[in-house]
Amino acid sequence: MGLIAAATINVNVFLLEAFLLLLGVAYSTEPVRLKKRFLIKQGTVALGFVISTMVACVAIGIFSWRVAYVAYLYVVFSFTISPIVDLRDIEEDRVAGIRTIPVVWGPDNTFRLAMVIWVSTILASLLGYSRMGFNIVLPILGTMILASIIYVVYPLRKHWIEEDKLVNAIYRKFLPLHFILQLTVVIASLPIAL
């Protein structure tokens, strides 16, 4: 049904959606099962988010640096939150031979990777917001939200083994911050003169 709906929009949307569907199949099914391949797993999830963002651009025929920034945020979260969520399955992944970031690098380095990526995202947003066409809202609110994400997730490095704390922090605290960050990008795209 989704491919039929995509075809009614235009051929490029249909092709992107068809590729996204094939990517999902390759992610989950044997013999390819990209989910089992180190870093390919996160790369595949990130690519899926980027394609979803590009589908919207192709559907309406507009692309901007602000849209690229949103796609970048999805890539950031694919390489930070996804591995942290994978911590709860670290033993099962080891047994199944799935090489995730937590399995290969361990829990401590999984959190270090997330922190480095989030701090880098804060710095990149502070330095490049005006060149991407954002107003002053992005460096102010974006920094506050990304710092809040670090504040929420960093303490989990000591409690990742406790699945209820991990799930609670990710789904009840991180996801709302992620949605607020997306709203911030929209507000930061408005022409506000200060």
Protein backbone atom coordinates (compact mmCIF):
# COMPACT_ATOMS: atom_id res chain seq x y z
CA MET A 1 0.00 0.00 0.00
CA GLY A 2 2.85 2.36 0.83
CA LEU A 3 4.48 1.83 -2.55
CA ILE A 4 1.17 2.46 -4.31
CA ALA A 5 0.75 5.69 -2.34
CA ALA A 6 4.36 6.68 -3.15
CA ALA A 7 3.77 6.04 -6.86
CA THR A 8 0.83 8.44 -6.83
CA ILE A 9 3.14 11.24 -5.65
CA ASN A 10 5.90 10.80 -8.23
CA VAL A 11 8.34 8.24 -9.56
CA ASN A 12 11.26 9.47 -7.44
CA VAL A 13 9.27 9.08 -4.22
CA PHE A 14 8.31 5.58 -5.38
CA LEU A 15 11.96 4.67 -6.07
CA LEU A 16 13.14 5.98 -2.70
CA GLU A 17 10.37 4.14 -0.88
CA ALA A 18 11.13 0.93 -2.81
CA PHE A 19 14.81 1.24 -1.87
CA LEU A 20 13.81 1.85 1.76
CA LEU A 21 11.68 -1.30 1.70
CA LEU A 22 14.56 -3.34 0.23
CA LEU A 23 16.90 -1.89 2.85
CA GLY A 24 14.49 -3.01 5.59
CA VAL A 25 14.34 -6.52 4.16
CA ALA A 26 18.15 -6.68 3.87
CA TYR A 27 18.43 -5.43 7.46
CA SER A 28 16.30 -8.20 8.93
CA THR A 29 16.43 -11.31 6.77
CA GLU A 30 19.03 -13.92 5.95
CA PRO A 31 21.40 -14.32 4.17
CA VAL A 32 22.29 -10.61 4.15
CA ARG A 33 20.89 -9.57 7.56
CA LEU A 34 22.67 -6.23 7.87
CA LYS A 35 21.62 -6.16 11.52
CA LYS A 36 24.42 -8.65 12.30
CA ARG A 37 27.21 -6.60 10.73
CA PHE A 38 29.34 -4.28 12.84
CA LEU A 39 28.66 -0.57 12.20
CA ILE A 40 26.57 -1.56 9.16
CA LYS A 41 23.64 -1.97 11.55
CA GLN A 42 23.78 1.67 12.71
CA GLY A 43 24.65 2.84 9.20
CA THR A 44 21.59 1.08 7.82
CA VAL A 45 19.30 2.64 10.43
CA ALA A 46 20.86 6.05 9.76
CA LEU A 47 20.45 5.60 6.01
CA GLY A 48 16.80 4.71 6.56
CA PHE A 49 16.27 7.97 8.46
CA VAL A 50 18.08 9.97 5.77
CA ILE A 51 15.99 8.35 3.02
CA SER A 52 12.81 9.14 4.96
CA THR A 53 13.88 12.77 5.17
CA MET A 54 14.75 12.81 1.47
CA VAL A 55 11.37 11.33 0.56
CA ALA A 56 9.72 14.37 2.09
CA CYS A 57 12.04 16.68 0.11
CA VAL A 58 11.43 14.86 -3.15
CA ALA A 59 7.68 14.79 -2.55
CA ILE A 60 7.44 18.57 -2.20
CA GLY A 61 10.40 19.41 -4.44
CA ILE A 62 12.37 21.46 -1.90
CA PHE A 63 15.78 20.77 -0.39
CA SER A 64 17.71 23.02 1.98
CA TRP A 65 20.59 22.88 4.44
CA ARG A 66 18.02 22.87 7.23
CA VAL A 67 16.64 19.57 5.93
CA ALA A 68 20.19 18.23 5.70
CA TYR A 69 20.67 19.23 9.35
CA VAL A 70 17.57 17.25 10.36
CA ALA A 71 18.91 14.23 8.45
CA TYR A 72 22.25 14.73 10.24
CA LEU A 73 20.45 14.68 13.61
CA TYR A 74 18.89 11.34 12.67
CA VAL A 75 22.34 9.98 11.84
CA VAL A 76 23.64 11.29 15.18
CA PHE A 77 20.87 9.58 17.08
CA SER A 78 21.35 6.34 15.12
CA PHE A 79 24.98 6.20 16.22
CA THR A 80 24.29 7.25 19.82
CA ILE A 81 20.91 6.09 21.10
CA SER A 82 20.67 2.88 19.09
CA PRO A 83 23.91 1.47 20.60
CA ILE A 84 22.82 2.54 24.08
CA VAL A 85 19.50 0.71 23.60
CA ASP A 86 21.51 -2.27 22.32
CA LEU A 87 23.19 -2.49 25.74
CA ARG A 88 20.14 -4.27 27.12
CA ASP A 89 20.69 -7.06 24.55
CA ILE A 90 24.47 -7.29 24.83
CA GLU A 91 24.57 -10.89 26.08
CA GLU A 92 21.97 -12.14 23.59
CA ASP A 93 23.82 -10.36 20.77
CA ARG A 94 27.11 -11.99 21.79
CA VAL A 95 25.49 -15.43 21.77
CA ALA A 96 23.77 -14.77 18.42
CA GLY A 97 26.99 -13.44 16.87
CA ILE A 98 25.56 -9.96 16.29
CA ARG A 99 28.43 -7.48 16.37
CA THR A 100 26.96 -4.30 17.80
CA ILE A 101 28.92 -1.34 19.13
CA PRO A 102 28.36 -2.47 22.76
CA VAL A 103 29.51 -6.01 21.95
CA VAL A 104 32.67 -4.91 20.12
CA TRP A 105 33.64 -1.80 22.10
CA GLY A 106 31.98 -2.47 25.45
CA PRO A 107 29.51 -0.39 27.46
CA ASP A 108 31.97 2.31 28.58
CA ASN A 109 33.13 3.09 25.06
CA THR A 110 29.53 3.02 23.83
CA PHE A 111 28.73 5.88 26.21
CA ARG A 112 31.97 7.69 25.34
CA LEU A 113 31.08 7.53 21.65
CA ALA A 114 27.62 8.99 22.36
CA MET A 115 29.05 11.82 24.45
CA VAL A 116 31.69 12.74 21.85
CA ILE A 117 29.09 12.77 19.06
CA TRP A 118 26.64 14.91 21.06
CA VAL A 119 29.29 17.42 22.13
CA SER A 120 30.50 17.59 18.52
CA THR A 121 26.93 18.21 17.39
CA ILE A 122 26.59 21.06 19.89
CA LEU A 123 29.82 22.63 18.65
CA ALA A 124 28.90 22.19 14.98
CA SER A 125 25.48 23.72 15.59
CA LEU A 126 26.98 26.69 17.43
CA LEU A 127 29.54 27.32 14.71
CA GLY A 128 27.45 26.69 11.62
CA TYR A 129 23.84 27.60 12.41
CA SER A 130 23.80 30.86 10.45
CA ARG A 131 25.41 29.32 7.37
CA MET A 132 22.63 26.72 7.28
CA GLY A 133 19.97 29.43 7.35
CA PHE A 134 18.89 29.06 10.98
CA ASN A 135 18.11 31.91 13.33
CA ILE A 136 19.54 32.35 16.83
CA VAL A 137 16.99 29.91 18.30
CA LEU A 138 19.02 26.89 17.13
CA PRO A 139 22.24 27.56 19.05
CA ILE A 140 20.34 28.58 22.17
CA LEU A 141 17.58 25.96 22.41
CA GLY A 142 19.48 23.31 20.44
CA THR A 143 22.42 23.50 22.85
CA MET A 144 20.09 23.37 25.85
CA ILE A 145 18.26 20.32 24.48
CA LEU A 146 21.42 18.47 23.48
CA ALA A 147 22.93 19.24 26.89
CA SER A 148 19.72 17.91 28.47
CA ILE A 149 20.06 14.71 26.42
CA ILE A 150 23.59 14.28 27.75
CA TYR A 151 22.30 14.97 31.27
CA VAL A 152 19.61 12.30 30.88
CA VAL A 153 21.73 9.62 29.20
CA TYR A 154 25.15 10.02 30.86
CA PRO A 155 24.08 8.61 34.27
CA LEU A 156 22.95 5.44 32.49
CA ARG A 157 26.59 4.43 32.05
CA LYS A 158 26.43 3.08 35.61
CA HIS A 159 22.91 1.66 35.35
CA TRP A 160 22.72 0.26 31.81
CA ILE A 161 22.38 -3.26 33.16
CA GLU A 162 19.09 -2.25 34.81
CA GLU A 163 16.76 -2.52 31.83
CA ASP A 164 13.90 -0.63 33.46
CA LYS A 165 16.11 2.44 34.10
CA LEU A 166 17.52 2.27 30.57
CA VAL A 167 14.12 1.95 28.92
CA ASN A 168 12.60 4.63 31.17
CA ALA A 169 15.36 7.12 30.37
CA ILE A 170 15.27 6.46 26.64
CA TYR A 171 11.53 6.37 26.07
CA ARG A 172 10.26 8.76 28.74
CA LYS A 173 13.06 11.31 28.79
CA PHE A 174 15.15 11.09 25.62
CA LEU A 175 12.36 10.76 23.05
CA PRO A 176 10.48 13.85 24.23
CA LEU A 177 13.75 15.81 24.07
CA HIS A 178 14.33 14.47 20.55
CA PHE A 179 10.88 15.66 19.44
CA ILE A 180 11.44 19.06 21.08
CA LEU A 181 14.75 19.31 19.20
CA GLN A 182 12.91 18.70 15.93
CA LEU A 183 10.42 21.44 16.85
CA THR A 184 13.37 23.70 17.66
CA VAL A 185 14.74 23.13 14.15
CA VAL A 186 11.37 24.23 12.73
CA ILE A 187 11.29 27.36 14.92
CA ALA A 188 14.94 28.07 14.08
CA SER A 189 14.02 27.98 10.39
CA LEU A 190 11.55 30.85 10.72
CA PRO A 191 12.67 34.31 9.64
CA ILE A 192 13.01 35.97 13.02
CA ALA A 193 14.80 39.31 13.15
CA LEU A 194 16.54 40.15 16.41
